[in-house]
Protein backbone atom coordinates (compact mmCIF):
# COMPACT_ATOMS: atom_id res chain seq x y z
CA MET A 1 128.68 102.68 112.39
CA GLU A 2 128.57 100.50 115.44
CA ILE A 3 125.79 100.29 118.01
CA ASP A 4 126.55 97.87 120.82
CA SER A 5 127.36 94.58 119.08
CA ILE A 6 125.60 95.48 115.82
CA LEU A 7 127.47 96.81 112.80
CA ILE A 8 125.40 99.04 110.54
CA ILE A 9 126.82 99.51 107.08
CA VAL A 10 125.53 102.34 104.93
CA SER A 11 125.36 102.68 101.15
CA CYS A 12 124.80 106.19 99.81
CA LYS A 13 122.85 106.60 96.58
CA LYS A 14 122.22 109.74 94.59
CA VAL A 15 118.80 110.19 93.06
CA GLU A 16 117.65 112.94 90.75
CA SER A 17 115.97 115.89 92.36
CA SER A 18 114.24 118.10 89.85
CA GLN A 19 111.17 120.19 89.25
CA ASP A 20 109.54 117.06 87.81
CA PHE A 21 110.11 115.30 91.13
CA ASP A 22 108.83 118.30 93.08
CA ARG A 23 105.71 118.41 90.90
CA GLY A 24 105.12 114.70 91.40
CA VAL A 25 105.66 113.61 87.79
CA HIS A 26 105.06 109.86 87.91
CA GLN A 27 108.01 108.87 85.69
CA ARG A 28 110.54 110.82 87.81
CA ILE A 29 109.18 109.37 91.05
CA ARG A 30 109.16 105.86 89.55
CA ASN A 31 112.76 106.23 88.31
CA ASN A 32 113.96 107.33 91.75
CA GLU A 33 112.06 104.47 93.37
CA SER A 34 113.61 101.98 90.93
CA THR A 35 117.09 103.29 91.75
CA ILE A 36 116.58 102.77 95.48
CA VAL A 37 114.81 99.40 95.17
CA SER A 38 117.70 98.14 93.04
CA ALA A 39 120.23 99.52 95.53
CA LEU A 40 118.40 97.80 98.41
CA LYS A 41 118.57 94.44 96.63
CA GLU A 42 122.27 94.82 95.85
CA TRP A 43 123.12 96.05 99.36
CA GLU A 44 121.28 93.10 100.91
CA LYS A 45 123.57 90.77 98.91
CA VAL A 46 126.59 92.54 100.41
CA VAL A 47 125.12 92.31 103.92
CA ASP A 48 124.32 88.61 103.47
CA TYR A 49 127.86 87.94 102.25
CA LEU A 50 129.41 89.76 105.21
CA ARG A 51 127.19 87.85 107.63
CA THR A 52 128.31 84.52 106.20
CA SER A 53 131.94 85.62 105.75
CA PRO A 54 132.68 88.03 108.61
CA ILE A 55 136.45 87.67 108.15
CA GLY A 56 138.08 88.61 104.87
CA SER A 57 141.55 89.49 103.66
CA ASN A 58 141.15 93.15 104.64
CA TYR A 59 138.35 93.16 107.24
CA ASP A 60 137.27 91.35 110.40
CA PHE A 61 133.67 91.79 111.54
CA SER A 62 133.64 88.62 113.65
CA ARG A 63 133.15 90.53 116.91
CA PHE A 64 129.70 91.75 115.84
CA ASP A 65 126.56 89.77 116.65
CA ASP A 66 124.81 91.08 113.55
CA ILE A 67 125.36 93.23 110.48
CA LEU A 68 122.56 95.44 109.16
CA GLY A 69 122.50 97.47 105.97
CA ILE A 70 120.90 100.83 105.26
CA VAL A 71 120.69 102.64 101.92
CA ILE A 72 120.52 106.40 102.25
CA SER A 73 119.80 109.12 99.73
CA PRO A 74 120.27 112.89 100.01
CA GLY A 75 116.53 113.53 100.10
CA THR A 76 113.21 111.79 100.33
CA VAL A 77 112.42 109.05 97.84
CA PHE A 78 108.89 107.72 97.90
CA LEU A 79 108.76 103.92 98.03
CA ASN A 80 105.71 101.70 98.13
CA GLU A 81 107.14 99.59 100.94
CA VAL A 82 110.23 99.98 103.07
CA GLU A 83 110.79 97.45 105.80
CA PRO A 84 111.91 98.73 109.17
CA LEU A 85 115.03 97.06 110.46
CA GLU A 86 114.27 94.36 113.00
CA GLN A 87 113.98 96.26 116.25
CA SER A 88 116.22 95.57 119.20
CA ASP A 89 116.94 97.50 122.36
CA ALA A 90 120.32 98.45 120.90
CA LEU A 91 118.96 100.13 117.75
CA PRO A 92 117.42 103.58 117.62
CA ARG A 93 113.71 103.49 116.84
CA GLY A 94 112.79 104.41 113.30
CA LEU A 95 115.76 102.95 111.45
CA ARG A 96 114.60 101.58 108.10
CA SER A 97 116.39 99.84 105.27
CA HIS A 98 116.11 103.08 103.24
CA MET A 99 116.20 106.55 104.70
CA SER A 100 117.13 110.03 103.66
CA TYR A 101 120.33 111.38 105.17
CA SER A 102 118.41 113.74 107.46
CA GLU A 103 116.15 110.90 108.67
CA LEU A 104 119.21 108.83 109.55
CA VAL A 105 120.81 111.72 111.43
CA SER A 106 117.56 112.37 113.33
CA ALA A 107 117.26 108.71 114.32
CA LEU A 108 120.85 108.61 115.53
CA ILE A 109 120.56 111.84 117.52
CA LYS A 110 117.72 110.23 119.47
CA THR A 111 120.01 107.35 120.45
CA PRO A 112 120.38 107.28 124.25
């Protein structure tokens, strides 16, 4: 998605939703957290690469001032720490590096 001169790339990750998760079983919550934390680290590598190489054989992102990455999941995943994306006037408030799909939609609907 594109907001002004910022390209936001999104990686979608599935995490297990089960009765164990709903009941707050520590192992299930920890496994889901590990999945997202790992995805965030991998996605940041992709974002860093695209920032340093904005033109490739099948893409050209050179017109963007910045590239940001978000990892989304179908539902809520509890993480100890999730950094908000660096705020600018162009970005909707509340965008974070990991969000559920519904949180992302809500943030984008609030975009002026």
